[in-house]
Amino acid sequence: MQNPVTIRLANAADLPAILSIYNHAIIHTTAVYQYDIHTLAMREEWYADKLKLGHPVFVAEAEGFVIGFSTYGPFRNWPGYRFTVEHSVYVHHQHRGQGTGRLLVQTIITHARNKGMHALIAGIDSLGEGSIRLHQSLGFVEVAHFKQVGYKFDRWLDVKFFELIIS
């Protein structure tokens, strides 16, 4: 039987685990088009900005360990886009495919809806089949496919945008 996963708001003590999960994605995946790993100071600044702007950071916890995180923020910073947010979700590589990502995205959907948001956007590497299937299973619809807009691991990468109308 799988250990229960709890979703809760993150706190500063979670930042080293969040950093580790994010840096693993930078080093080993095309889930994020970053090259250089982040520092704890960078993650602390990111978290402080999220708090200041009122954007949530959620963590998934199992047996006292953070195994994933999700957040959202502005899709674009112009006033006309204020009801649309873009989210991110990352799950520890040893816990992928077990439903943690689904719980984190469902929490984001509920939170954004309760905050009066209208649309939720996900930008996903076109090779991220697991993430694409997850988002489609939650009702997200592919609305754009940008070809060769990213470059990582010595190859051009496509990104797909998925949208969920939540209001």
C-alpha atoms as a PDB file:
ATOM      1  CA  MET A   1       0.000   0.000   0.000  1.00  0.00           C
ATOM      2  CA  GLN A   2       1.224   3.470  -0.909  1.00  0.00           C
ATOM      3  CA  ASN A   3       1.994   5.838   1.946  1.00  0.00           C
ATOM      4  CA  PRO A   4      -0.486   8.710   2.260  1.00  0.00           C
ATOM      5  CA  VAL A   5       0.506  12.040   0.759  1.00  0.00           C
ATOM      6  CA  THR A   6      -0.474  15.295   2.435  1.00  0.00           C
ATOM      7  CA  ILE A   7      -0.663  18.580   0.538  1.00  0.00           C
ATOM      8  CA  ARG A   8      -0.043  21.729   2.574  1.00  0.00           C
ATOM      9  CA  LEU A   9       1.247  25.250   2.192  1.00  0.00           C
ATOM     10  CA  ALA A  10       5.028  25.379   2.111  1.00  0.00           C
ATOM     11  CA  ASN A  11       7.113  27.108   4.748  1.00  0.00           C
ATOM     12  CA  ALA A  12      10.727  28.256   4.823  1.00  0.00           C
ATOM     13  CA  ALA A  13      11.880  24.948   6.299  1.00  0.00           C
ATOM     14  CA  ASP A  14      10.722  23.223   3.089  1.00  0.00           C
ATOM     15  CA  LEU A  15      13.009  25.249   0.834  1.00  0.00           C
ATOM     16  CA  PRO A  16      16.015  22.872   0.870  1.00  0.00           C
ATOM     17  CA  ALA A  17      13.782  19.998  -0.295  1.00  0.00           C
ATOM     18  CA  ILE A  18      12.096  22.212  -2.902  1.00  0.00           C
ATOM     19  CA  LEU A  19      15.546  23.274  -4.093  1.00  0.00           C
ATOM     20  CA  SER A  20      16.716  19.666  -4.377  1.00  0.00           C
ATOM     21  CA  ILE A  21      13.662  18.656  -6.432  1.00  0.00           C
ATOM     22  CA  TYR A  22      14.024  21.675  -8.719  1.00  0.00           C
ATOM     23  CA  ASN A  23      17.762  21.220  -9.206  1.00  0.00           C
ATOM     24  CA  HIS A  24      17.239  17.557 -10.122  1.00  0.00           C
ATOM     25  CA  ALA A  25      14.821  18.728 -12.821  1.00  0.00           C
ATOM     26  CA  ILE A  26      17.381  21.247 -14.100  1.00  0.00           C
ATOM     27  CA  ILE A  27      20.175  18.675 -14.282  1.00  0.00           C
ATOM     28  CA  HIS A  28      18.269  15.655 -15.582  1.00  0.00           C
ATOM     29  CA  THR A  29      15.116  16.749 -17.439  1.00  0.00           C
ATOM     30  CA  THR A  30      13.622  19.128 -19.946  1.00  0.00           C
ATOM     31  CA  ALA A  31      10.798  19.982 -17.527  1.00  0.00           C
ATOM     32  CA  VAL A  32      12.536  23.318 -17.049  1.00  0.00           C
ATOM     33  CA  TYR A  33      14.771  25.022 -19.603  1.00  0.00           C
ATOM     34  CA  GLN A  34      17.349  26.166 -17.057  1.00  0.00           C
ATOM     35  CA  TYR A  35      21.028  25.188 -17.306  1.00  0.00           C
ATOM     36  CA  ASP A  36      22.548  26.190 -13.969  1.00  0.00           C
ATOM     37  CA  ILE A  37      21.423  24.798 -10.652  1.00  0.00           C
ATOM     38  CA  HIS A  38      19.885  27.211  -8.190  1.00  0.00           C
ATOM     39  CA  THR A  39      21.194  28.094  -4.759  1.00  0.00           C
ATOM     40  CA  LEU A  40      19.295  28.142  -1.499  1.00  0.00           C
ATOM     41  CA  ALA A  41      19.537  31.950  -1.545  1.00  0.00           C
ATOM     42  CA  MET A  42      17.816  31.972  -4.945  1.00  0.00           C
ATOM     43  CA  ARG A  43      15.043  29.715  -3.646  1.00  0.00           C
ATOM     44  CA  GLU A  44      14.631  31.910  -0.554  1.00  0.00           C
ATOM     45  CA  GLU A  45      14.244  34.986  -2.760  1.00  0.00           C
ATOM     46  CA  TRP A  46      11.762  33.109  -4.985  1.00  0.00           C
ATOM     47  CA  TYR A  47       9.734  32.084  -1.938  1.00  0.00           C
ATOM     48  CA  ALA A  48       9.771  35.598  -0.460  1.00  0.00           C
ATOM     49  CA  ASP A  49       8.528  36.967  -3.792  1.00  0.00           C
ATOM     50  CA  LYS A  50       5.718  34.390  -3.882  1.00  0.00           C
ATOM     51  CA  LEU A  51       4.632  35.381  -0.379  1.00  0.00           C
ATOM     52  CA  LYS A  52       4.847  39.106  -1.114  1.00  0.00           C
ATOM     53  CA  LEU A  53       2.703  38.734  -4.231  1.00  0.00           C
ATOM     54  CA  GLY A  54       0.200  36.435  -2.526  1.00  0.00           C
ATOM     55  CA  HIS A  55       0.946  33.412  -4.715  1.00  0.00           C
ATOM     56  CA  PRO A  56       0.780  30.039  -2.991  1.00  0.00           C
ATOM     57  CA  VAL A  57       3.497  27.427  -2.787  1.00  0.00           C
ATOM     58  CA  PHE A  58       2.222  23.977  -1.895  1.00  0.00           C
ATOM     59  CA  VAL A  59       4.244  20.923  -0.951  1.00  0.00           C
ATOM     60  CA  ALA A  60       3.390  17.258  -1.053  1.00  0.00           C
ATOM     61  CA  GLU A  61       4.639  15.446   2.021  1.00  0.00           C
ATOM     62  CA  ALA A  62       4.912  11.718   2.703  1.00  0.00           C
ATOM     63  CA  GLU A  63       6.391  10.217   5.868  1.00  0.00           C
ATOM     64  CA  GLY A  64       7.687  13.628   6.885  1.00  0.00           C
ATOM     65  CA  PHE A  65       9.534  14.261   3.604  1.00  0.00           C
ATOM     66  CA  VAL A  66       8.699  16.804   0.911  1.00  0.00           C
ATOM     67  CA  ILE A  67       8.235  14.843  -2.325  1.00  0.00           C
ATOM     68  CA  GLY A  68       6.880  17.566  -4.586  1.00  0.00           C
ATOM     69  CA  PHE A  69       5.767  21.168  -4.867  1.00  0.00           C
ATOM     70  CA  SER A  70       3.520  23.378  -6.937  1.00  0.00           C
ATOM     71  CA  THR A  71       2.851  27.066  -7.311  1.00  0.00           C
ATOM     72  CA  TYR A  72       1.347  29.596  -9.655  1.00  0.00           C
ATOM     73  CA  GLY A  73       1.973  33.142 -10.675  1.00  0.00           C
ATOM     74  CA  PRO A  74       1.122  35.656 -13.375  1.00  0.00           C
ATOM     75  CA  PHE A  75       0.769  34.364 -16.918  1.00  0.00           C
ATOM     76  CA  ARG A  76       1.696  37.808 -18.196  1.00  0.00           C
ATOM     77  CA  ASN A  77       2.182  40.937 -16.135  1.00  0.00           C
ATOM     78  CA  TRP A  78      -0.305  43.182 -17.942  1.00  0.00           C
ATOM     79  CA  PRO A  79      -3.547  44.167 -16.173  1.00  0.00           C
ATOM     80  CA  GLY A  80      -5.763  42.473 -18.747  1.00  0.00           C
ATOM     81  CA  TYR A  81      -4.234  39.100 -17.852  1.00  0.00           C
ATOM     82  CA  ARG A  82      -4.840  39.407 -14.102  1.00  0.00           C
ATOM     83  CA  PHE A  83      -7.371  36.551 -14.055  1.00  0.00           C
ATOM     84  CA  THR A  84      -5.032  34.091 -15.776  1.00  0.00           C
ATOM     85  CA  VAL A  85      -2.202  32.317 -13.960  1.00  0.00           C
ATOM     86  CA  GLU A  86       0.488  29.885 -15.017  1.00  0.00           C
ATOM     87  CA  HIS A  87       1.386  27.060 -12.707  1.00  0.00           C
ATOM     88  CA  SER A  88       4.381  24.821 -12.101  1.00  0.00           C
ATOM     89  CA  VAL A  89       4.511  21.386 -10.536  1.00  0.00           C
ATOM     90  CA  TYR A  90       7.572  19.293  -9.730  1.00  0.00           C
ATOM     91  CA  VAL A  91       7.684  15.858  -8.131  1.00  0.00           C
ATOM     92  CA  HIS A  92      10.743  14.116  -6.704  1.00  0.00           C
ATOM     93  CA  HIS A  93      12.066  11.713  -9.327  1.00  0.00           C
ATOM     94  CA  GLN A  94      11.509   8.660  -7.089  1.00  0.00           C
ATOM     95  CA  HIS A  95       7.835   9.566  -6.552  1.00  0.00           C
ATOM     96  CA  ARG A  96       6.681  10.319 -10.094  1.00  0.00           C
ATOM     97  CA  GLY A  97       3.756   8.414 -11.557  1.00  0.00           C
ATOM     98  CA  GLN A  98       2.166   7.728  -8.162  1.00  0.00           C
ATOM     99  CA  GLY A  99      -0.494  10.446  -8.091  1.00  0.00           C
ATOM    100  CA  THR A 100       1.451  13.159  -6.280  1.00  0.00           C
ATOM    101  CA  GLY A 101       1.470  15.493  -9.282  1.00  0.00           C
ATOM    102  CA  ARG A 102      -2.298  15.062  -9.639  1.00  0.00           C
ATOM    103  CA  LEU A 103      -2.841  16.072  -6.001  1.00  0.00           C
ATOM    104  CA  LEU A 104      -0.606  19.111  -6.397  1.00  0.00           C
ATOM    105  CA  VAL A 105      -2.316  20.290  -9.595  1.00  0.00           C
ATOM    106  CA  GLN A 106      -5.800  19.695  -8.145  1.00  0.00           C
ATOM    107  CA  THR A 107      -4.797  21.839  -5.171  1.00  0.00           C
ATOM    108  CA  ILE A 108      -3.611  24.592  -7.523  1.00  0.00           C
ATOM    109  CA  ILE A 109      -6.883  24.433  -9.479  1.00  0.00           C
ATOM    110  CA  THR A 110      -8.970  24.729  -6.311  1.00  0.00           C
ATOM    111  CA  HIS A 111      -6.861  27.548  -4.890  1.00  0.00           C
ATOM    112  CA  ALA A 112      -6.860  29.551  -8.121  1.00  0.00           C
ATOM    113  CA  ARG A 113     -10.623  29.123  -8.513  1.00  0.00           C
ATOM    114  CA  ASN A 114     -11.188  30.268  -4.929  1.00  0.00           C
ATOM    115  CA  LYS A 115      -9.025  33.341  -5.608  1.00  0.00           C
ATOM    116  CA  GLY A 116     -11.256  34.307  -8.531  1.00  0.00           C
ATOM    117  CA  MET A 117      -8.927  33.265 -11.329  1.00  0.00           C
ATOM    118  CA  HIS A 118     -10.522  32.461 -14.688  1.00  0.00           C
ATOM    119  CA  ALA A 119      -7.879  30.452 -16.542  1.00  0.00           C
ATOM    120  CA  LEU A 120      -4.929  28.272 -15.604  1.00  0.00           C
ATOM    121  CA  ILE A 121      -2.033  27.756 -18.037  1.00  0.00           C
ATOM    122  CA  ALA A 122       0.551  24.961 -18.097  1.00  0.00           C
ATOM    123  CA  GLY A 123       3.665  25.190 -20.261  1.00  0.00           C
ATOM    124  CA  ILE A 124       4.972  21.644 -20.804  1.00  0.00           C
ATOM    125  CA  ASP A 125       7.922  20.311 -22.776  1.00  0.00           C
ATOM    126  CA  SER A 126       6.459  18.387 -25.714  1.00  0.00           C
ATOM    127  CA  LEU A 127       8.330  15.239 -24.632  1.00  0.00           C
ATOM    128  CA  GLY A 128       6.835  15.383 -21.111  1.00  0.00           C
ATOM    129  CA  GLU A 129       4.255  12.697 -21.861  1.00  0.00           C
ATOM    130  CA  GLY A 130       3.447  12.003 -18.208  1.00  0.00           C
ATOM    131  CA  SER A 131       2.792  15.664 -17.470  1.00  0.00           C
ATOM    132  CA  ILE A 132       0.763  16.048 -20.659  1.00  0.00           C
ATOM    133  CA  ARG A 133      -1.408  13.024 -19.788  1.00  0.00           C
ATOM    134  CA  LEU A 134      -1.867  14.306 -16.232  1.00  0.00           C
ATOM    135  CA  HIS A 135      -3.024  17.726 -17.381  1.00  0.00           C
ATOM    136  CA  GLN A 136      -5.331  16.316 -20.050  1.00  0.00           C
ATOM    137  CA  SER A 137      -6.900  13.978 -17.479  1.00  0.00           C
ATOM    138  CA  LEU A 138      -7.718  17.045 -15.361  1.00  0.00           C
ATOM    139  CA  GLY A 139      -9.440  18.792 -18.262  1.00  0.00           C
ATOM    140  CA  PHE A 140      -6.597  20.917 -19.636  1.00  0.00           C
ATOM    141  CA  VAL A 141      -6.742  21.397 -23.409  1.00  0.00           C
ATOM    142  CA  GLU A 142      -3.735  21.958 -25.660  1.00  0.00           C
ATOM    143  CA  VAL A 143      -3.972  25.473 -27.070  1.00  0.00           C
ATOM    144  CA  ALA A 144      -0.487  26.008 -28.542  1.00  0.00           C
ATOM    145  CA  HIS A 145       2.553  24.085 -29.715  1.00  0.00           C
ATOM    146  CA  PHE A 146       5.663  26.222 -30.094  1.00  0.00           C
ATOM    147  CA  LYS A 147       8.330  24.486 -32.129  1.00  0.00           C
ATOM    148  CA  GLN A 148      12.028  24.703 -31.316  1.00  0.00           C
ATOM    149  CA  VAL A 149      11.674  27.562 -28.828  1.00  0.00           C
ATOM    150  CA  GLY A 150      13.925  25.981 -26.197  1.00  0.00           C
ATOM    151  CA  TYR A 151      17.432  24.579 -26.326  1.00  0.00           C
ATOM    152  CA  LYS A 152      18.850  22.123 -23.810  1.00  0.00           C
ATOM    153  CA  PHE A 153      20.982  18.975 -23.870  1.00  0.00           C
ATOM    154  CA  ASP A 154      22.282  19.963 -27.336  1.00  0.00           C
ATOM    155  CA  ARG A 155      18.890  19.842 -29.011  1.00  0.00           C
ATOM    156  CA  TRP A 156      15.963  22.082 -29.865  1.00  0.00           C
ATOM    157  CA  LEU A 157      12.852  21.625 -27.750  1.00  0.00           C
ATOM    158  CA  ASP A 158       9.173  22.248 -28.334  1.00  0.00           C
ATOM    159  CA  VAL A 159       6.850  23.547 -25.640  1.00  0.00           C
ATOM    160  CA  LYS A 160       3.105  23.022 -25.507  1.00  0.00           C
ATOM    161  CA  PHE A 161       0.665  25.257 -23.689  1.00  0.00           C
ATOM    162  CA  PHE A 162      -2.398  23.749 -22.044  1.00  0.00           C
ATOM    163  CA  GLU A 163      -5.317  25.737 -20.644  1.00  0.00           C
ATOM    164  CA  LEU A 164      -8.066  25.038 -18.153  1.00  0.00           C
ATOM    165  CA  ILE A 165     -10.955  27.473 -17.750  1.00  0.00           C
ATOM    166  CA  ILE A 166     -11.737  27.300 -14.016  1.00  0.00           C
ATOM    167  CA  SER A 167     -14.327  29.970 -13.291  1.00  0.00           C
END
